[in-house]
C-alpha atoms as a PDB file:
ATOM      1  CA  MET A   1     188.909-333.209 -39.285  1.00  0.00           C
ATOM      2  CA  SER A   2     186.560-335.877 -37.969  1.00  0.00           C
ATOM      3  CA  VAL A   3     186.588-339.510 -39.032  1.00  0.00           C
ATOM      4  CA  LYS A   4     183.449-338.765 -41.023  1.00  0.00           C
ATOM      5  CA  ASP A   5     185.149-335.894 -42.856  1.00  0.00           C
ATOM      6  CA  ASP A   6     188.175-338.092 -43.573  1.00  0.00           C
ATOM      7  CA  ILE A   7     185.980-340.761 -45.206  1.00  0.00           C
ATOM      8  CA  ILE A   8     184.066-338.172 -47.224  1.00  0.00           C
ATOM      9  CA  LYS A   9     187.330-336.614 -48.408  1.00  0.00           C
ATOM     10  CA  PHE A  10     188.776-340.001 -49.390  1.00  0.00           C
ATOM     11  CA  CYS A  11     185.643-340.830 -51.386  1.00  0.00           C
ATOM     12  CA  SER A  12     185.775-337.431 -53.058  1.00  0.00           C
ATOM     13  CA  ILE A  13     189.388-337.981 -54.099  1.00  0.00           C
ATOM     14  CA  ASN A  14     188.192-341.181 -55.778  1.00  0.00           C
ATOM     15  CA  GLY A  15     185.452-339.330 -57.671  1.00  0.00           C
ATOM     16  CA  LEU A  16     182.561-340.150 -55.343  1.00  0.00           C
ATOM     17  CA  ASP A  17     180.709-337.107 -54.055  1.00  0.00           C
ATOM     18  CA  THR A  18     177.342-338.549 -53.006  1.00  0.00           C
ATOM     19  CA  ILE A  19     177.780-340.353 -49.701  1.00  0.00           C
ATOM     20  CA  GLY A  20     175.725-340.628 -46.517  1.00  0.00           C
ATOM     21  CA  PHE A  21     175.800-342.219 -43.070  1.00  0.00           C
ATOM     22  CA  SER A  22     173.102-343.902 -41.015  1.00  0.00           C
ATOM     23  CA  GLU A  23     172.885-345.927 -37.824  1.00  0.00           C
ATOM     24  CA  CYS A  24     173.402-349.662 -38.157  1.00  0.00           C
ATOM     25  CA  ARG A  25     170.199-351.108 -36.715  1.00  0.00           C
ATOM     26  CA  ILE A  26     167.443-353.602 -37.405  1.00  0.00           C
ATOM     27  CA  PHE A  27     164.824-352.089 -39.724  1.00  0.00           C
ATOM     28  CA  HIS A  28     161.753-353.328 -37.878  1.00  0.00           C
ATOM     29  CA  GLU A  29     159.617-350.667 -39.550  1.00  0.00           C
ATOM     30  CA  LEU A  30     159.928-352.540 -42.871  1.00  0.00           C
ATOM     31  CA  ASN A  31     158.221-355.691 -41.560  1.00  0.00           C
ATOM     32  CA  PRO A  32     154.729-354.593 -42.719  1.00  0.00           C
ATOM     33  CA  TYR A  33     156.143-353.678 -46.148  1.00  0.00           C
ATOM     34  CA  PHE A  34     157.734-357.079 -46.747  1.00  0.00           C
ATOM     35  CA  ASP A  35     154.776-358.940 -45.214  1.00  0.00           C
ATOM     36  CA  LYS A  36     152.329-357.218 -47.536  1.00  0.00           C
ATOM     37  CA  ARG A  37     154.482-357.835 -50.617  1.00  0.00           C
ATOM     38  CA  LYS A  38     154.622-361.512 -49.700  1.00  0.00           C
ATOM     39  CA  LYS A  39     150.848-361.755 -49.142  1.00  0.00           C
ATOM     40  CA  LEU A  40     150.171-360.012 -52.451  1.00  0.00           C
ATOM     41  CA  GLY A  41     152.522-362.378 -54.275  1.00  0.00           C
ATOM     42  CA  LEU A  42     154.788-359.524 -55.384  1.00  0.00           C
ATOM     43  CA  GLU A  43     158.097-361.215 -54.574  1.00  0.00           C
ATOM     44  CA  ASN A  44     160.096-362.415 -57.577  1.00  0.00           C
ATOM     45  CA  GLU A  45     162.693-365.098 -58.188  1.00  0.00           C
ATOM     46  CA  PHE A  46     165.620-362.765 -57.515  1.00  0.00           C
ATOM     47  CA  GLU A  47     164.437-361.769 -54.025  1.00  0.00           C
ATOM     48  CA  GLU A  48     165.673-363.133 -50.706  1.00  0.00           C
ATOM     49  CA  ARG A  49     162.944-365.089 -48.892  1.00  0.00           C
ATOM     50  CA  ASP A  50     164.488-364.864 -45.395  1.00  0.00           C
ATOM     51  CA  LEU A  51     163.011-361.711 -43.825  1.00  0.00           C
ATOM     52  CA  ASN A  52     165.759-361.440 -41.215  1.00  0.00           C
ATOM     53  CA  LYS A  53     168.396-361.109 -43.937  1.00  0.00           C
ATOM     54  CA  LYS A  54     166.445-358.170 -45.352  1.00  0.00           C
ATOM     55  CA  ILE A  55     166.150-356.120 -42.187  1.00  0.00           C
ATOM     56  CA  ASN A  56     169.020-357.161 -39.909  1.00  0.00           C
ATOM     57  CA  PRO A  57     172.496-355.857 -40.837  1.00  0.00           C
ATOM     58  CA  PHE A  58     173.982-357.489 -37.734  1.00  0.00           C
ATOM     59  CA  ILE A  59     173.802-360.807 -39.602  1.00  0.00           C
ATOM     60  CA  TYR A  60     176.642-359.469 -41.714  1.00  0.00           C
ATOM     61  CA  MET A  61     178.601-357.630 -38.982  1.00  0.00           C
ATOM     62  CA  LYS A  62     177.506-358.313 -35.409  1.00  0.00           C
ATOM     63  CA  ASP A  63     179.366-355.300 -33.993  1.00  0.00           C
ATOM     64  CA  GLY A  64     178.347-352.903 -36.768  1.00  0.00           C
ATOM     65  CA  LYS A  65     177.640-349.338 -35.683  1.00  0.00           C
ATOM     66  CA  THR A  66     177.296-347.333 -38.909  1.00  0.00           C
ATOM     67  CA  ILE A  67     176.193-347.994 -42.474  1.00  0.00           C
ATOM     68  CA  ILE A  68     177.826-345.871 -45.156  1.00  0.00           C
ATOM     69  CA  SER A  69     175.809-345.525 -48.359  1.00  0.00           C
ATOM     70  CA  ILE A  70     177.588-344.462 -51.538  1.00  0.00           C
ATOM     71  CA  ALA A  71     176.041-343.547 -54.899  1.00  0.00           C
ATOM     72  CA  PHE A  72     177.972-344.246 -58.103  1.00  0.00           C
ATOM     73  CA  PRO A  73     176.660-342.193 -61.061  1.00  0.00           C
ATOM     74  CA  TYR A  74     176.692-344.159 -64.298  1.00  0.00           C
ATOM     75  CA  LEU A  75     174.994-342.022 -66.957  1.00  0.00           C
ATOM     76  CA  TYR A  76     177.409-340.836 -69.636  1.00  0.00           C
ATOM     77  CA  ASP A  77     174.726-339.566 -71.992  1.00  0.00           C
ATOM     78  CA  ASN A  78     171.052-340.128 -72.576  1.00  0.00           C
ATOM     79  CA  ASP A  79     171.267-340.577 -76.323  1.00  0.00           C
ATOM     80  CA  ILE A  80     169.381-343.835 -76.309  1.00  0.00           C
ATOM     81  CA  ASN A  81     167.948-345.466 -79.431  1.00  0.00           C
ATOM     82  CA  LYS A  82     164.338-345.823 -78.376  1.00  0.00           C
ATOM     83  CA  LYS A  83     163.599-348.313 -81.147  1.00  0.00           C
ATOM     84  CA  LEU A  84     166.210-350.839 -80.044  1.00  0.00           C
ATOM     85  CA  TYR A  85     168.300-350.496 -76.911  1.00  0.00           C
ATOM     86  CA  PHE A  86     170.080-351.852 -73.888  1.00  0.00           C
ATOM     87  CA  SER A  87     169.224-350.095 -70.628  1.00  0.00           C
ATOM     88  CA  ASN A  88     171.633-347.277 -69.737  1.00  0.00           C
ATOM     89  CA  TYR A  89     172.964-349.112 -66.706  1.00  0.00           C
ATOM     90  CA  THR A  90     174.155-352.094 -68.779  1.00  0.00           C
ATOM     91  CA  ARG A  91     176.167-350.266 -71.417  1.00  0.00           C
ATOM     92  CA  GLY A  92     179.524-349.905 -69.661  1.00  0.00           C
ATOM     93  CA  ARG A  93     181.675-352.330 -67.725  1.00  0.00           C
ATOM     94  CA  ASP A  94     179.855-354.662 -65.312  1.00  0.00           C
ATOM     95  CA  TYR A  95     179.006-352.402 -62.386  1.00  0.00           C
ATOM     96  CA  HIS A  96     179.457-355.192 -59.843  1.00  0.00           C
ATOM     97  CA  LEU A  97     183.159-355.386 -60.687  1.00  0.00           C
ATOM     98  CA  VAL A  98     183.558-351.617 -60.844  1.00  0.00           C
ATOM     99  CA  LEU A  99     181.911-350.954 -57.481  1.00  0.00           C
ATOM    100  CA  ILE A 100     183.833-353.733 -55.779  1.00  0.00           C
ATOM    101  CA  GLU A 101     187.136-352.143 -56.834  1.00  0.00           C
ATOM    102  CA  TYR A 102     186.118-348.774 -55.387  1.00  0.00           C
ATOM    103  CA  MET A 103     184.575-350.230 -52.233  1.00  0.00           C
ATOM    104  CA  LYS A 104     187.680-352.286 -51.475  1.00  0.00           C
ATOM    105  CA  LYS A 105     189.751-349.090 -51.529  1.00  0.00           C
ATOM    106  CA  ILE A 106     187.362-347.345 -49.141  1.00  0.00           C
ATOM    107  CA  CYS A 107     187.278-350.321 -46.779  1.00  0.00           C
ATOM    108  CA  THR A 108     191.075-350.479 -46.781  1.00  0.00           C
ATOM    109  CA  PHE A 109     191.143-346.775 -45.899  1.00  0.00           C
ATOM    110  CA  ILE A 110     188.726-347.301 -43.001  1.00  0.00           C
ATOM    111  CA  GLU A 111     190.639-350.341 -41.794  1.00  0.00           C
ATOM    112  CA  GLY A 112     193.733-348.148 -41.792  1.00  0.00           C
ATOM    113  CA  MET A 113     192.023-346.197 -39.015  1.00  0.00           C
ATOM    114  CA  GLY A 114     191.978-349.370 -36.921  1.00  0.00           C
ATOM    115  CA  ALA A 115     188.295-350.084 -37.630  1.00  0.00           C
ATOM    116  CA  LYS A 116     186.360-352.912 -39.236  1.00  0.00           C
ATOM    117  CA  ALA A 117     184.703-352.394 -42.605  1.00  0.00           C
ATOM    118  CA  MET A 118     182.685-354.727 -44.823  1.00  0.00           C
ATOM    119  CA  TYR A 119     181.370-353.720 -48.253  1.00  0.00           C
ATOM    120  CA  PHE A 120     178.263-354.876 -50.105  1.00  0.00           C
ATOM    121  CA  VAL A 121     177.465-354.651 -53.807  1.00  0.00           C
ATOM    122  CA  ASP A 122     174.351-356.671 -54.560  1.00  0.00           C
ATOM    123  CA  SER A 123     175.853-359.246 -52.178  1.00  0.00           C
ATOM    124  CA  ASN A 124     173.226-359.032 -49.465  1.00  0.00           C
ATOM    125  CA  ALA A 125     169.482-358.667 -49.119  1.00  0.00           C
ATOM    126  CA  LEU A 126     169.452-355.402 -47.168  1.00  0.00           C
ATOM    127  CA  PRO A 127     167.168-352.672 -48.612  1.00  0.00           C
ATOM    128  CA  GLU A 128     169.870-350.504 -50.165  1.00  0.00           C
ATOM    129  CA  ARG A 129     167.531-347.812 -51.476  1.00  0.00           C
ATOM    130  CA  TYR A 130     165.866-347.450 -48.100  1.00  0.00           C
ATOM    131  CA  ILE A 131     169.261-347.267 -46.386  1.00  0.00           C
ATOM    132  CA  ALA A 132     170.391-344.646 -48.907  1.00  0.00           C
ATOM    133  CA  SER A 133     167.318-342.546 -48.146  1.00  0.00           C
ATOM    134  CA  LEU A 134     167.972-342.832 -44.391  1.00  0.00           C
ATOM    135  CA  SER A 135     171.573-341.783 -45.057  1.00  0.00           C
ATOM    136  CA  GLY A 136     170.562-338.632 -46.921  1.00  0.00           C
ATOM    137  CA  VAL A 137     171.860-339.847 -50.281  1.00  0.00           C
ATOM    138  CA  GLY A 138     168.490-339.351 -51.963  1.00  0.00           C
ATOM    139  CA  PHE A 139     164.792-340.148 -51.755  1.00  0.00           C
ATOM    140  CA  ILE A 140     162.787-343.106 -52.988  1.00  0.00           C
ATOM    141  CA  GLY A 141     160.502-342.012 -55.807  1.00  0.00           C
ATOM    142  CA  LYS A 142     157.094-343.388 -56.663  1.00  0.00           C
ATOM    143  CA  ASN A 143     158.796-345.632 -59.203  1.00  0.00           C
ATOM    144  CA  ASN A 144     160.771-347.137 -56.283  1.00  0.00           C
ATOM    145  CA  MET A 145     164.038-345.755 -57.638  1.00  0.00           C
ATOM    146  CA  LEU A 146     166.517-343.913 -55.400  1.00  0.00           C
ATOM    147  CA  ILE A 147     166.691-340.340 -56.698  1.00  0.00           C
ATOM    148  CA  THR A 148     169.721-338.188 -55.904  1.00  0.00           C
ATOM    149  CA  GLN A 149     169.977-334.417 -56.231  1.00  0.00           C
ATOM    150  CA  ARG A 150     172.896-334.353 -58.672  1.00  0.00           C
ATOM    151  CA  TYR A 151     172.476-337.528 -60.689  1.00  0.00           C
ATOM    152  CA  GLY A 152     168.787-338.297 -60.484  1.00  0.00           C
ATOM    153  CA  SER A 153     168.120-342.033 -60.365  1.00  0.00           C
ATOM    154  CA  TYR A 154     171.036-342.923 -62.623  1.00  0.00           C
ATOM    155  CA  VAL A 155     173.154-344.311 -59.800  1.00  0.00           C
ATOM    156  CA  PHE A 156     174.358-347.643 -58.493  1.00  0.00           C
ATOM    157  CA  LEU A 157     174.450-348.089 -54.733  1.00  0.00           C
ATOM    158  CA  GLY A 158     177.024-349.669 -52.476  1.00  0.00           C
ATOM    159  CA  GLU A 159     177.060-350.031 -48.703  1.00  0.00           C
ATOM    160  CA  ILE A 160     179.785-350.365 -46.104  1.00  0.00           C
ATOM    161  CA  ILE A 161     179.104-351.550 -42.558  1.00  0.00           C
ATOM    162  CA  THR A 162     181.693-350.425 -40.032  1.00  0.00           C
ATOM    163  CA  ASP A 163     182.148-350.597 -36.290  1.00  0.00           C
ATOM    164  CA  LEU A 164     182.979-346.890 -36.241  1.00  0.00           C
ATOM    165  CA  VAL A 165     180.404-344.719 -34.496  1.00  0.00           C
ATOM    166  CA  ILE A 166     179.687-341.880 -36.945  1.00  0.00           C
ATOM    167  CA  ASP A 167     177.032-339.189 -36.665  1.00  0.00           C
ATOM    168  CA  PRO A 168     174.141-340.099 -38.986  1.00  0.00           C
ATOM    169  CA  ASP A 169     172.943-337.776 -41.728  1.00  0.00           C
ATOM    170  CA  LYS A 170     169.363-336.578 -42.032  1.00  0.00           C
ATOM    171  CA  SER A 171     167.079-338.831 -44.021  1.00  0.00           C
ATOM    172  CA  VAL A 172     165.475-337.584 -47.219  1.00  0.00           C
ATOM    173  CA  THR A 173     161.711-337.793 -47.630  1.00  0.00           C
ATOM    174  CA  GLN A 174     159.978-338.317 -50.956  1.00  0.00           C
ATOM    175  CA  LYS A 175     159.755-335.213 -53.145  1.00  0.00           C
ATOM    176  CA  CYS A 176     157.482-336.480 -55.917  1.00  0.00           C
ATOM    177  CA  GLY A 177     154.503-334.495 -54.661  1.00  0.00           C
ATOM    178  CA  ASN A 178     151.505-334.921 -56.941  1.00  0.00           C
ATOM    179  CA  CYS A 179     153.613-335.987 -59.927  1.00  0.00           C
ATOM    180  CA  GLU A 180     152.536-339.348 -61.348  1.00  0.00           C
ATOM    181  CA  ILE A 181     154.283-339.294 -64.724  1.00  0.00           C
ATOM    182  CA  CYS A 182     156.056-342.575 -64.043  1.00  0.00           C
ATOM    183  CA  LEU A 183     152.768-344.253 -63.141  1.00  0.00           C
ATOM    184  CA  SER A 184     151.060-343.201 -66.350  1.00  0.00           C
ATOM    185  CA  SER A 185     154.130-343.936 -68.508  1.00  0.00           C
ATOM    186  CA  CYS A 186     154.900-347.442 -67.252  1.00  0.00           C
ATOM    187  CA  PRO A 187     154.118-349.729 -70.232  1.00  0.00           C
ATOM    188  CA  THR A 188     152.832-352.565 -68.019  1.00  0.00           C
ATOM    189  CA  SER A 189     151.316-350.565 -65.126  1.00  0.00           C
ATOM    190  CA  ALA A 190     153.883-352.077 -62.770  1.00  0.00           C
ATOM    191  CA  ILE A 191     154.020-348.771 -60.867  1.00  0.00           C
ATOM    192  CA  VAL A 192     150.900-348.080 -58.832  1.00  0.00           C
ATOM    193  CA  LYS A 193     149.908-345.818 -55.968  1.00  0.00           C
ATOM    194  CA  GLY A 194     151.052-346.808 -52.523  1.00  0.00           C
ATOM    195  CA  LYS A 195     153.426-345.654 -49.795  1.00  0.00           C
ATOM    196  CA  PHE A 196     157.075-346.634 -50.427  1.00  0.00           C
ATOM    197  CA  GLY A 197     155.971-348.335 -53.644  1.00  0.00           C
ATOM    198  CA  ILE A 198     154.488-351.102 -51.535  1.00  0.00           C
ATOM    199  CA  ASN A 199     152.027-352.027 -54.288  1.00  0.00           C
ATOM    200  CA  ASN A 200     154.492-351.778 -57.172  1.00  0.00           C
ATOM    201  CA  ASN A 201     154.636-355.084 -59.005  1.00  0.00           C
ATOM    202  CA  SER A 202     158.188-355.880 -60.075  1.00  0.00           C
ATOM    203  CA  ASN A 203     156.937-359.163 -61.545  1.00  0.00           C
ATOM    204  CA  ILE A 204     155.473-357.293 -64.502  1.00  0.00           C
ATOM    205  CA  CYS A 205     158.218-354.666 -64.814  1.00  0.00           C
ATOM    206  CA  LEU A 206     159.676-354.985 -68.316  1.00  0.00           C
ATOM    207  CA  SER A 207     163.202-354.715 -66.936  1.00  0.00           C
ATOM    208  CA  TYR A 208     162.511-357.876 -64.944  1.00  0.00           C
ATOM    209  CA  ILE A 209     160.764-359.565 -67.878  1.00  0.00           C
ATOM    210  CA  THR A 210     163.794-359.054 -70.134  1.00  0.00           C
ATOM    211  CA  GLN A 211     165.936-360.829 -67.535  1.00  0.00           C
ATOM    212  CA  LYS A 212     163.675-363.801 -66.728  1.00  0.00           C
ATOM    213  CA  LYS A 213     164.672-367.180 -68.085  1.00  0.00           C
ATOM    214  CA  ASP A 214     161.095-368.119 -68.927  1.00  0.00           C
ATOM    215  CA  ILE A 215     158.511-365.593 -70.094  1.00  0.00           C
ATOM    216  CA  GLU A 216     154.940-366.068 -71.261  1.00  0.00           C
ATOM    217  CA  ASP A 217     153.982-365.465 -74.885  1.00  0.00           C
ATOM    218  CA  PHE A 218     151.922-362.347 -74.165  1.00  0.00           C
ATOM    219  CA  TRP A 219     155.144-360.471 -73.328  1.00  0.00           C
ATOM    220  CA  PHE A 220     156.605-360.924 -76.802  1.00  0.00           C
ATOM    221  CA  ASP A 221     155.311-357.739 -78.424  1.00  0.00           C
ATOM    222  CA  LYS A 222     155.641-355.721 -75.213  1.00  0.00           C
ATOM    223  CA  LEU A 223     159.441-355.776 -75.275  1.00  0.00           C
ATOM    224  CA  ASP A 224     159.113-353.226 -78.095  1.00  0.00           C
ATOM    225  CA  GLY A 225     162.837-352.711 -78.716  1.00  0.00           C
ATOM    226  CA  ARG A 226     164.075-353.524 -75.215  1.00  0.00           C
ATOM    227  CA  LEU A 227     167.052-355.874 -75.331  1.00  0.00           C
ATOM    228  CA  PHE A 228     167.788-355.797 -71.608  1.00  0.00           C
ATOM    229  CA  GLY A 229     166.177-353.499 -69.077  1.00  0.00           C
ATOM    230  CA  CYS A 230     163.564-350.824 -69.656  1.00  0.00           C
ATOM    231  CA  ASP A 231     164.366-347.259 -68.412  1.00  0.00           C
ATOM    232  CA  THR A 232     160.924-345.831 -69.266  1.00  0.00           C
ATOM    233  CA  CYS A 233     160.148-344.586 -65.753  1.00  0.00           C
ATOM    234  CA  GLN A 234     163.609-343.030 -65.529  1.00  0.00           C
ATOM    235  CA  ARG A 235     163.451-341.272 -68.888  1.00  0.00           C
ATOM    236  CA  VAL A 236     160.165-339.534 -68.046  1.00  0.00           C
ATOM    237  CA  CYS A 237     161.078-338.559 -64.467  1.00  0.00           C
ATOM    238  CA  PRO A 238     161.416-334.757 -64.070  1.00  0.00           C
ATOM    239  CA  TYR A 239     164.330-335.268 -61.669  1.00  0.00           C
ATOM    240  CA  ASN A 240     166.293-336.912 -64.484  1.00  0.00           C
ATOM    241  CA  LYS A 241     165.897-334.106 -67.010  1.00  0.00           C
ATOM    242  CA  GLU A 242     168.979-332.056 -66.112  1.00  0.00           C
ATOM    243  CA  VAL A 243     171.257-334.432 -64.250  1.00  0.00           C
ATOM    244  CA  GLU A 244     175.020-334.298 -64.064  1.00  0.00           C
ATOM    245  CA  LEU A 245     176.810-336.979 -66.052  1.00  0.00           C
ATOM    246  CA  SER A 246     179.192-339.568 -64.662  1.00  0.00           C
ATOM    247  CA  VAL A 247     182.956-339.113 -64.703  1.00  0.00           C
ATOM    248  CA  ILE A 248     183.618-342.718 -63.685  1.00  0.00           C
ATOM    249  CA  LYS A 249     185.522-343.884 -66.751  1.00  0.00           C
ATOM    250  CA  GLU A 250     184.585-347.546 -66.283  1.00  0.00           C
ATOM    251  CA  PHE A 251     180.946-346.717 -67.024  1.00  0.00           C
ATOM    252  CA  LYS A 252     181.687-345.215 -70.424  1.00  0.00           C
ATOM    253  CA  PRO A 253     179.405-347.143 -72.830  1.00  0.00           C
ATOM    254  CA  TYR A 254     180.868-349.655 -75.236  1.00  0.00           C
ATOM    255  CA  GLU A 255     179.992-348.786 -78.809  1.00  0.00           C
ATOM    256  CA  HIS A 256     178.307-352.152 -79.435  1.00  0.00           C
ATOM    257  CA  MET A 257     176.019-351.418 -76.468  1.00  0.00           C
ATOM    258  CA  ARG A 258     175.202-347.892 -77.641  1.00  0.00           C
ATOM    259  CA  THR A 259     174.259-349.004 -81.153  1.00  0.00           C
ATOM    260  CA  PRO A 260     173.243-352.682 -80.914  1.00  0.00           C
ATOM    261  CA  ASN A 261     173.401-354.825 -84.038  1.00  0.00           C
ATOM    262  CA  LEU A 262     170.266-356.977 -84.081  1.00  0.00           C
ATOM    263  CA  LYS A 263     171.577-359.467 -86.622  1.00  0.00           C
ATOM    264  CA  GLU A 264     174.761-359.951 -84.610  1.00  0.00           C
ATOM    265  CA  LEU A 265     172.804-360.451 -81.393  1.00  0.00           C
ATOM    266  CA  MET A 266     170.471-363.006 -82.944  1.00  0.00           C
ATOM    267  CA  ASN A 267     173.472-365.089 -83.971  1.00  0.00           C
ATOM    268  CA  ILE A 268     175.709-364.430 -81.002  1.00  0.00           C
ATOM    269  CA  ASP A 269     178.144-367.264 -80.251  1.00  0.00           C
ATOM    270  CA  ASN A 270     180.195-368.015 -77.149  1.00  0.00           C
ATOM    271  CA  LYS A 271     183.245-366.060 -78.312  1.00  0.00           C
ATOM    272  CA  LEU A 272     181.324-362.923 -79.194  1.00  0.00           C
ATOM    273  CA  PHE A 273     179.416-363.114 -75.934  1.00  0.00           C
ATOM    274  CA  LYS A 274     182.613-363.484 -73.916  1.00  0.00           C
ATOM    275  CA  ASP A 275     184.412-360.680 -75.763  1.00  0.00           C
ATOM    276  CA  ASN A 276     181.612-358.107 -75.931  1.00  0.00           C
ATOM    277  CA  TYR A 277     178.761-358.855 -73.540  1.00  0.00           C
ATOM    278  CA  LYS A 278     179.951-360.892 -70.573  1.00  0.00           C
ATOM    279  CA  ILE A 279     181.935-357.819 -69.503  1.00  0.00           C
ATOM    280  CA  THR A 280     178.759-355.727 -69.193  1.00  0.00           C
ATOM    281  CA  SER A 281     176.077-355.616 -66.505  1.00  0.00           C
ATOM    282  CA  CYS A 282     173.759-357.818 -68.555  1.00  0.00           C
ATOM    283  CA  GLY A 283     176.354-360.548 -69.025  1.00  0.00           C
ATOM    284  CA  TRP A 284     175.439-362.316 -65.789  1.00  0.00           C
ATOM    285  CA  ARG A 285     172.232-363.667 -67.358  1.00  0.00           C
ATOM    286  CA  GLY A 286     174.153-365.476 -70.066  1.00  0.00           C
ATOM    287  CA  LYS A 287     174.203-365.526 -73.839  1.00  0.00           C
ATOM    288  CA  ASN A 288     170.793-367.056 -74.520  1.00  0.00           C
ATOM    289  CA  ILE A 289     168.758-364.406 -72.681  1.00  0.00           C
ATOM    290  CA  ILE A 290     170.293-361.694 -74.875  1.00  0.00           C
ATOM    291  CA  LYS A 291     169.852-363.822 -78.006  1.00  0.00           C
ATOM    292  CA  ARG A 292     166.219-364.595 -77.128  1.00  0.00           C
ATOM    293  CA  ASN A 293     165.390-360.927 -76.612  1.00  0.00           C
ATOM    294  CA  ALA A 294     167.053-360.031 -79.898  1.00  0.00           C
ATOM    295  CA  ILE A 295     164.993-362.658 -81.746  1.00  0.00           C
ATOM    296  CA  ILE A 296     161.790-361.440 -80.090  1.00  0.00           C
ATOM    297  CA  ASN A 297     162.504-357.871 -81.145  1.00  0.00           C
ATOM    298  CA  SER A 298     163.516-358.868 -84.665  1.00  0.00           C
ATOM    299  CA  LEU A 299     160.298-360.799 -85.295  1.00  0.00           C
ATOM    300  CA  PHE A 300     158.266-358.021 -83.677  1.00  0.00           C
ATOM    301  CA  ILE A 301     159.908-355.280 -85.766  1.00  0.00           C
ATOM    302  CA  GLU A 302     160.498-356.987 -89.096  1.00  0.00           C
ATOM    303  CA  LYS A 303     157.864-359.765 -89.071  1.00  0.00           C
ATOM    304  CA  VAL A 304     160.202-362.009 -91.110  1.00  0.00           C
ATOM    305  CA  LYS A 305     161.389-365.555 -90.372  1.00  0.00           C
ATOM    306  CA  ILE A 306     165.042-365.963 -89.380  1.00  0.00           C
ATOM    307  CA  ILE A 307     166.543-368.960 -91.175  1.00  0.00           C
ATOM    308  CA  THR A 308     169.748-369.039 -89.100  1.00  0.00           C
ATOM    309  CA  VAL A 309     167.772-369.353 -85.864  1.00  0.00           C
ATOM    310  CA  GLU A 310     165.886-372.379 -87.166  1.00  0.00           C
ATOM    311  CA  LYS A 311     169.217-374.227 -87.101  1.00  0.00           C
ATOM    312  CA  ASP A 312     170.293-372.999 -83.654  1.00  0.00           C
ATOM    313  CA  THR A 313     171.863-375.709 -81.509  1.00  0.00           C
ATOM    314  CA  SER A 314     170.106-374.553 -78.355  1.00  0.00           C
ATOM    315  CA  PRO A 315     166.706-376.203 -77.689  1.00  0.00           C
ATOM    316  CA  TYR A 316     165.895-373.192 -75.500  1.00  0.00           C
ATOM    317  CA  ILE A 317     166.320-370.779 -78.414  1.00  0.00           C
ATOM    318  CA  ARG A 318     164.524-373.005 -80.921  1.00  0.00           C
ATOM    319  CA  ASP A 319     161.573-373.403 -78.553  1.00  0.00           C
ATOM    320  CA  TYR A 320     161.187-369.640 -78.213  1.00  0.00           C
ATOM    321  CA  TYR A 321     161.617-369.164 -81.956  1.00  0.00           C
ATOM    322  CA  TYR A 322     158.772-371.514 -82.863  1.00  0.00           C
ATOM    323  CA  ARG A 323     156.562-370.039 -80.152  1.00  0.00           C
ATOM    324  CA  LEU A 324     157.291-366.611 -81.640  1.00  0.00           C
ATOM    325  CA  LEU A 325     156.419-367.740 -85.156  1.00  0.00           C
ATOM    326  CA  LYS A 326     153.088-368.965 -83.898  1.00  0.00           C
ATOM    327  CA  TYR A 327     152.468-365.831 -81.819  1.00  0.00           C
ATOM    328  CA  PHE A 328     153.252-363.457 -84.706  1.00  0.00           C
ATOM    329  CA  LYS A 329     151.502-365.791 -87.212  1.00  0.00           C
ATOM    330  CA  LEU A 330     154.547-366.145 -89.440  1.00  0.00           C
END
């Protein structure tokens, strides 16, 4: 077998069957895309500002020859409570930790061949969805999500740069055709027409809004049950209707994430956060973001004052609470 076949087989043994290879090169063709997003003011606080770090993988490995893109399916079921929910991707163990464990194993395997290998899991600014599409892992949909054949868009992505020269796979072009369901379903019109989603505005995506530290008052009633993340454009996508489910046991949802307790979340303390939520993919934003979103949803749904929150020790939470009372005229 070839080196490529050996890597594919090793990944398969570890439960990963969606993997692709592309040439390690500078992605000059993305310059116009990033330039336009910058000019339109579409960059957000989580984005890297240094363009070179976005398009030049040689910053990370100067003698890199191949980029390996690996998709990790995370959907265990789609039984989501549409009235109050955490996004599907947040409901199991923190995916950063899970992917790192798997990627370390793969890198060790490649290094055992006498090669260099460096893994990335949200630890660089390279365009992972674009790389995945070049590697044949899937195509980038109009909602800017990477869509795979077997798992739809319910995948996390990891990359490995190696100095091995491996034949690249064929890239996958967009298959959305004339479908615009995600555009019409987006609750904030964050998804708009444009090649490669160049005009999509992540600054008004509700997934982003639920994660921001500071949000304007007019977003309060638009969360509409979202505790962290959104998922609307994924739920309506035809390519996600009959997807295969994940067998990666670490992504099995915790029960408290499947059926969130609003009262518990509004009064979450440090211990509860550490025990139940820090271990998930929404834990990185801290306790108060989750608590704030729970309070917003409670006042939106029940329209009743929350006495316990009035005594909260956090000025951040109290400030949002009184702004909410004024907004909802309570």
